[in-house]
Structures are given as structure tokens and as C-alpha cells.
Amino acid sequence: MAKEGPYEVNSGPSMFYLVDRRLATCTVTCGTKFPVLVPFTVTTALLRGKSDPTIILVRIISTQNDMDGIGIHVNGWQLPLALRTVNITSIVQKDGEHVLRITHRPGYANIPSDGSVKVFVQSALLVSAEDVSRGDIPKRKVRSVHASKVMVAHAANKDSISGVSVITAVASLNCPLSKARLQAPCRGVKCSHLQCFDAIFYLIHNEKACGRGAWHCPVCDRIVDASDMEIDLLWVKILNEVPPSCDEVEFFGDGSWAAVDIDNSIITIEDSPVKAHLDGT
């Protein structure tokens, strides 16, 4: 019987990482004969040879949502497949060759003829929570300030009164899940709403519920797994600039924004069109 644990499933904000090297890869299809054994080598030098934290990940990319018949094991430990990315560093600490084993349980449907399951073993450099909150993470995991302003402009209905854009959208600087101040403002890559949720809390919240179904955006209910998350650098900028008393931001149709203080008065800061209007009067 396969053992469970002591792996870590995306502990903290570990979905933000820089892939260092690929240690092994395997693709299984409807014609694959199980079990499939995939050897890979991990050394102490690999794990401790860099100043940044190095981890070993198993990533699963499947064409099918239902993977009940597939089992993936490393050194005899059964991995949970719900998150599709598992940190196995703690079970590959010994120098030398390790084995990833892929099985298919009898009685479950076979992989469709046009389907596949790809499994990657990778070493990666872990990005800290502090780096995440500063937006200092892989570019493929962020939405730039410019792209965010374009999104704001599309999401807000444009209008004008004496050349000044009308405020058309309000968003909270608190996470809709944790109700606490955002640390790492995030959305799913396909989410179209302005409101962000906290990436770190979202990961922890879903990891605790591992195996209980798909991950859903707390704003729009769209399925957003770890690979679909994206830090919004405009929101990072906003959080770094507004005072602690500010809990809301009002967005304008031209892509700019203004903070709202606790007494609901507008704070005229650099990015605000209100400040630009006042300066011109």
C-alpha cells in the first residue's frame, strides 16, 4: 500500500518559482503499459548550491480533469494530484537516483485515445512571500502596470464631465477571502473583474482543502488553479502608495485611480485624475 506524505503541497506562495532545470519527464497515453518507472537524480549540491531556496517539484499536465485512475508515487510515497504541482523536496533529500512511478488502477476508465498525462520533475528556485508582495516574481506570473490600466479602462464605462473622467468602479484593498489587507494582489489570468484576492492566503486556503474539488476565484467563481494565478503590479503599486487607513480604491475610465480614505474623502495622489484636475484649476 502506498504511503502518504511527508510531501508539501505548494507550501505558502510556492506556486511562484523560477524553473532551474528539468530532471525528468514522461508522457502517458491510452496505449501506455503501466506501471511506468521514471528515474531522476537529485544531489545535495543541487539543493544547497545556490543562495536562493531550491525545491524539487512534480508537475502534472493532463488533458482530462478526472484523474481518479492515475497514481503517481515518488520513492514509494503517493502524491496528491488535486493541485497538479507538488513540492517533493522533503522526500528526495538523499544523494543519488530516485524513482517516480506512474500507475493506473484497475476498474477505472483508460486515458482517452486523444488524451495524455505529462509528468515533469523539476528543480526550481523558490520566490519568497516578500518577493511576491513586491511583485518581484517571474514575468509570466504578473500583469504589468500598463496591462492593468488597460484592463481598468475596458472594465469601466467611460464618460466625461468637463473633461474629467467619472469614477465608475470601486474595489477593496482587503482580500475577499481573508478579509485582511492584501499582501499579494492576484486574479486568475482569465478573470475580467477589477477586484483582487490575496495569492498567499488563496494558496494556503486551497491547500488545506486539497482533494475537495476545483479551486474557484472568490470574486467571480471561475476555476483558478495555481498555474492560472497572476499578480497585478498596478495593485502592488497602489498598496505601496496608499496610507494604512485607506481600504478602497476608485478606478476611472481612463485607467487611472484614486484612493479613498476611511472618511470616504478622495486622496489626491500622483496617479489620480482628480489631482490633475485640481492642479489645472
Protein backbone atom coordinates (compact mmCIF):
# COMPACT_ATOMS: atom_id res chain seq x y z
CA MET A 1 0.00 0.00 0.00
CA ALA A 2 1.37 3.41 -0.92
CA LYS A 3 2.44 5.77 1.84
CA GLU A 4 1.10 9.30 2.05
CA GLY A 5 3.29 12.30 2.93
CA PRO A 6 5.58 13.87 4.09
CA TYR A 7 5.49 15.94 0.90
CA GLU A 8 4.49 19.58 0.94
CA VAL A 9 1.76 20.77 -1.39
CA ASN A 10 2.71 24.24 -2.63
CA SER A 11 3.60 25.34 0.91
CA GLY A 12 2.91 29.07 1.21
CA PRO A 13 3.41 31.02 -2.01
CA SER A 14 5.49 28.27 -3.68
CA MET A 15 3.50 28.47 -6.92
CA PHE A 16 5.78 31.45 -7.65
CA TYR A 17 9.05 29.90 -8.67
CA LEU A 18 11.71 30.04 -11.33
CA VAL A 19 12.31 26.68 -13.02
CA ASP A 20 16.02 25.91 -12.81
CA ARG A 21 16.29 22.64 -14.72
CA ARG A 22 14.19 19.67 -15.82
CA LEU A 23 15.27 16.46 -14.10
CA ALA A 24 12.88 14.06 -15.82
CA THR A 25 9.77 13.98 -17.97
CA CYS A 26 7.26 11.34 -19.02
CA THR A 27 4.06 11.25 -21.10
CA VAL A 28 1.44 8.52 -20.68
CA THR A 29 -1.36 7.88 -23.17
CA CYS A 30 -4.10 5.33 -23.79
CA GLY A 31 -1.50 2.91 -25.17
CA THR A 32 0.91 3.13 -22.24
CA LYS A 33 1.71 -0.06 -20.34
CA PHE A 34 1.66 0.52 -16.59
CA PRO A 35 3.45 0.86 -14.27
CA VAL A 36 5.84 3.43 -15.73
CA LEU A 37 9.12 4.00 -13.88
CA VAL A 38 10.88 7.35 -14.31
CA PRO A 39 14.32 7.65 -12.66
CA PHE A 40 15.81 11.04 -11.79
CA THR A 41 18.85 12.20 -9.85
CA VAL A 42 18.99 14.72 -7.01
CA THR A 43 22.20 15.80 -5.31
CA THR A 44 22.99 17.80 -2.20
CA ALA A 45 24.83 20.27 -4.43
CA LEU A 46 21.65 20.79 -6.44
CA LEU A 47 19.57 21.51 -3.34
CA ARG A 48 22.09 23.66 -1.48
CA GLY A 49 24.37 25.04 -4.17
CA LYS A 50 22.56 28.37 -4.63
CA SER A 51 21.81 31.29 -2.36
CA ASP A 52 18.11 31.14 -3.25
CA PRO A 53 15.95 28.32 -1.82
CA THR A 54 15.87 25.38 -4.26
CA ILE A 55 12.98 22.94 -4.30
CA ILE A 56 12.06 19.85 -6.30
CA LEU A 57 8.62 19.87 -7.91
CA VAL A 58 6.48 17.29 -9.64
CA ARG A 59 4.16 18.97 -12.16
CA ILE A 60 1.27 17.19 -13.84
CA ILE A 61 -0.35 18.44 -17.04
CA SER A 62 -3.38 16.44 -18.09
CA THR A 63 -5.88 16.75 -20.94
CA GLN A 64 -8.57 15.34 -18.65
CA ASN A 65 -9.99 16.64 -15.38
CA ASP A 66 -10.75 13.19 -13.97
CA MET A 67 -7.50 11.53 -12.90
CA ASP A 68 -9.02 9.10 -10.39
CA GLY A 69 -7.44 6.13 -12.14
CA ILE A 70 -3.91 7.56 -12.19
CA GLY A 71 -1.48 7.19 -9.31
CA ILE A 72 1.89 8.94 -9.04
CA HIS A 73 4.45 7.92 -6.44
CA VAL A 74 7.98 9.07 -5.58
CA ASN A 75 10.18 6.69 -3.62
CA GLY A 76 7.02 4.85 -2.54
CA TRP A 77 5.17 7.95 -1.36
CA GLN A 78 1.83 8.60 -3.05
CA LEU A 79 1.40 12.16 -4.29
CA PRO A 80 -1.90 14.09 -4.20
CA LEU A 81 -2.89 15.09 -7.72
CA ALA A 82 -5.56 17.70 -6.98
CA LEU A 83 -3.14 20.64 -7.23
CA ARG A 84 -1.10 19.29 -10.14
CA THR A 85 2.08 20.77 -8.60
CA VAL A 86 3.64 19.05 -5.58
CA ASN A 87 6.77 20.02 -3.65
CA ILE A 88 8.62 16.72 -3.05
CA THR A 89 11.86 18.21 -1.67
CA SER A 90 11.45 16.55 1.74
CA ILE A 91 11.32 13.02 0.26
CA VAL A 92 14.30 13.33 -2.11
CA GLN A 93 16.93 14.53 0.36
CA LYS A 94 19.37 11.66 -0.21
CA ASP A 95 22.04 11.95 -2.90
CA GLY A 96 21.54 9.65 -5.87
CA GLU A 97 18.81 8.22 -8.03
CA HIS A 98 15.12 8.49 -7.13
CA VAL A 99 12.16 6.89 -8.86
CA LEU A 100 8.82 8.34 -9.91
CA ARG A 101 6.24 5.62 -10.54
CA ILE A 102 3.03 6.11 -12.53
CA THR A 103 0.26 3.55 -12.17
CA HIS A 104 -3.30 3.01 -13.40
CA ARG A 105 -5.82 1.40 -11.09
CA PRO A 106 -7.97 -1.45 -12.46
CA GLY A 107 -11.64 -0.68 -12.89
CA TYR A 108 -11.11 2.97 -13.83
CA ALA A 109 -11.53 4.35 -17.35
CA ASN A 110 -8.47 4.38 -19.53
CA ILE A 111 -6.95 7.61 -20.82
CA PRO A 112 -8.90 8.64 -23.97
CA SER A 113 -7.28 7.95 -27.34
CA ASP A 114 -6.70 11.66 -27.88
CA GLY A 115 -5.66 12.35 -24.27
CA SER A 116 -2.42 12.34 -22.34
CA VAL A 117 -0.90 12.96 -18.92
CA LYS A 118 2.51 14.63 -18.85
CA VAL A 119 4.63 14.49 -15.71
CA PHE A 120 7.67 16.70 -15.12
CA VAL A 121 10.23 16.58 -12.32
CA GLN A 122 11.92 19.97 -12.00
CA SER A 123 14.26 21.82 -9.72
CA ALA A 124 13.14 25.37 -9.07
CA LEU A 125 14.18 28.48 -7.19
CA LEU A 126 11.52 29.41 -4.66
CA VAL A 127 10.36 33.02 -4.54
CA SER A 128 9.69 34.35 -1.04
CA ALA A 129 6.45 35.86 0.22
CA GLU A 130 8.20 39.22 0.44
CA ASP A 131 9.22 38.99 -3.21
CA VAL A 132 5.63 38.12 -4.15
CA SER A 133 4.21 41.14 -2.33
CA ARG A 134 6.73 43.40 -4.08
CA GLY A 135 5.85 41.92 -7.45
CA ASP A 136 9.44 40.64 -7.80
CA ILE A 137 8.42 37.33 -9.36
CA PRO A 138 8.63 35.60 -12.76
CA LYS A 139 7.21 37.82 -15.52
CA ARG A 140 4.88 35.09 -16.70
CA LYS A 141 3.15 35.28 -13.32
CA VAL A 142 2.42 39.03 -13.34
CA ARG A 143 0.20 41.54 -15.07
CA SER A 144 2.14 44.72 -15.78
CA VAL A 145 1.03 48.16 -14.60
CA HIS A 146 0.27 49.13 -18.20
CA ALA A 147 -1.78 45.99 -18.87
CA SER A 148 -3.69 46.55 -15.64
CA LYS A 149 -4.53 50.13 -16.61
CA VAL A 150 -5.82 48.89 -19.97
CA MET A 151 -7.98 46.38 -18.09
CA VAL A 152 -9.33 49.16 -15.86
CA ALA A 153 -10.21 51.26 -18.90
CA HIS A 154 -12.05 48.35 -20.51
CA ALA A 155 -13.87 47.41 -17.30
CA ALA A 156 -15.03 50.93 -16.51
CA ASN A 157 -17.68 52.74 -18.55
CA LYS A 158 -16.17 55.91 -19.93
CA ASP A 159 -17.94 59.22 -19.52
CA SER A 160 -16.80 62.77 -19.01
CA ILE A 161 -17.88 65.90 -17.25
CA SER A 162 -15.82 68.95 -18.16
CA GLY A 163 -13.05 66.68 -19.38
CA VAL A 164 -12.77 64.73 -16.13
CA SER A 165 -13.48 61.00 -16.15
CA VAL A 166 -16.31 59.91 -13.90
CA ILE A 167 -15.49 57.37 -11.18
CA THR A 168 -17.05 54.14 -12.36
CA ALA A 169 -15.66 51.31 -10.23
CA VAL A 170 -14.66 50.78 -6.60
CA ALA A 171 -12.50 47.93 -5.30
CA SER A 172 -11.42 46.92 -1.81
CA LEU A 173 -7.80 46.66 -0.67
CA ASN A 174 -8.84 43.81 1.61
CA CYS A 175 -8.91 40.20 0.43
CA PRO A 176 -12.46 38.88 -0.08
CA LEU A 177 -11.33 35.55 1.42
CA SER A 178 -9.21 36.53 4.43
CA LYS A 179 -10.87 39.95 4.98
CA ALA A 180 -7.34 41.19 5.77
CA ARG A 181 -5.13 43.66 3.90
CA LEU A 182 -3.91 42.30 0.57
CA GLN A 183 -0.26 41.20 0.55
CA ALA A 184 0.00 39.73 -2.92
CA PRO A 185 -2.92 41.07 -5.04
CA CYS A 186 -3.88 38.44 -7.56
CA ARG A 187 -6.50 37.29 -10.08
CA GLY A 188 -6.91 34.37 -12.41
CA VAL A 189 -5.47 35.04 -15.86
CA LYS A 190 -8.99 34.80 -17.35
CA CYS A 191 -10.74 36.85 -14.65
CA SER A 192 -12.14 40.12 -16.00
CA HIS A 193 -13.06 41.85 -12.72
CA LEU A 194 -11.01 44.60 -11.07
CA GLN A 195 -11.12 43.18 -7.54
CA CYS A 196 -8.06 41.17 -6.48
CA PHE A 197 -7.70 38.46 -3.86
CA ASP A 198 -4.60 37.59 -1.85
CA ALA A 199 -2.46 34.97 -3.61
CA ILE A 200 -0.75 33.74 -0.46
CA PHE A 201 -3.98 33.26 1.51
CA TYR A 202 -5.67 31.70 -1.55
CA LEU A 203 -2.93 29.08 -1.81
CA ILE A 204 -3.00 28.24 1.88
CA HIS A 205 -6.82 28.13 1.93
CA ASN A 206 -6.98 25.73 -1.01
CA GLU A 207 -4.08 23.58 0.13
CA LYS A 208 -5.94 22.86 3.37
CA ALA A 209 -8.90 21.76 1.26
CA CYS A 210 -6.74 19.59 -1.02
CA GLY A 211 -8.79 16.97 -2.82
CA ARG A 212 -12.15 18.66 -2.17
CA GLY A 213 -12.69 19.87 -5.70
CA ALA A 214 -11.53 22.59 -8.06
CA TRP A 215 -10.20 25.96 -6.89
CA HIS A 216 -12.57 28.85 -7.54
CA CYS A 217 -11.95 32.58 -7.71
CA PRO A 218 -13.60 34.14 -4.62
CA VAL A 219 -14.84 37.05 -6.76
CA CYS A 220 -16.29 35.51 -9.94
CA ASP A 221 -16.28 31.76 -9.09
CA ARG A 222 -14.19 30.94 -12.18
CA ILE A 223 -11.89 27.93 -11.74
CA VAL A 224 -8.41 29.30 -10.93
CA ASP A 225 -5.72 26.75 -10.07
CA ALA A 226 -2.16 27.58 -9.06
CA SER A 227 -0.87 27.79 -12.63
CA ASP A 228 -3.61 30.31 -13.56
CA MET A 229 -2.79 32.86 -10.86
CA GLU A 230 -1.35 36.25 -11.79
CA ILE A 231 -0.06 39.07 -9.56
CA ASP A 232 -1.33 42.54 -10.54
CA LEU A 233 1.57 45.02 -10.41
CA LEU A 234 -0.75 48.04 -10.52
CA TRP A 235 -2.31 46.83 -7.28
CA VAL A 236 1.16 46.23 -5.81
CA LYS A 237 1.94 49.87 -6.64
CA ILE A 238 -1.33 51.07 -5.11
CA LEU A 239 -0.78 49.12 -1.89
CA ASN A 240 2.72 50.56 -1.56
CA GLU A 241 1.50 54.15 -2.04
CA VAL A 242 -1.76 54.49 -0.12
CA PRO A 243 -1.87 55.14 3.66
CA PRO A 244 -2.83 52.27 6.02
CA SER A 245 -6.20 53.93 6.69
CA CYS A 246 -7.21 53.51 3.04
CA ASP A 247 -9.38 50.45 2.41
CA GLU A 248 -10.82 51.25 -1.03
CA VAL A 249 -9.67 52.48 -4.42
CA GLU A 250 -11.85 54.14 -7.04
CA PHE A 251 -10.94 53.50 -10.68
CA PHE A 252 -11.53 55.87 -13.57
CA GLY A 253 -12.47 55.16 -17.15
CA ASP A 254 -9.08 56.33 -18.44
CA GLY A 255 -7.27 53.59 -16.47
CA SER A 256 -6.14 55.81 -13.59
CA TRP A 257 -7.17 55.53 -9.95
CA ALA A 258 -7.62 57.41 -6.68
CA ALA A 259 -7.58 56.16 -3.11
CA VAL A 260 -10.49 56.71 -0.72
CA ASP A 261 -9.70 57.34 2.95
CA ILE A 262 -11.71 55.94 5.85
CA ASP A 263 -13.92 59.05 5.90
CA ASN A 264 -14.75 58.45 2.19
CA SER A 265 -12.87 61.54 1.04
CA ILE A 266 -10.73 61.33 -2.09
CA ILE A 267 -6.98 61.26 -1.52
CA THR A 268 -5.34 63.20 -4.35
CA ILE A 269 -2.20 61.23 -5.10
CA GLU A 270 0.04 61.22 -8.15
CA ASP A 271 -1.91 58.74 -10.26
CA SER A 272 -5.27 60.35 -9.57
CA PRO A 273 -7.09 62.29 -12.32
CA VAL A 274 -8.73 64.26 -9.52
CA LYS A 275 -5.34 65.70 -8.59
CA ALA A 276 -4.64 66.52 -12.23
CA HIS A 277 -7.98 68.32 -12.48
CA LEU A 278 -7.40 70.29 -9.27
CA ASP A 279 -3.89 71.23 -10.36
CA GLY A 280 -5.29 72.66 -13.56
CA THR A 281 -7.93 74.82 -11.87
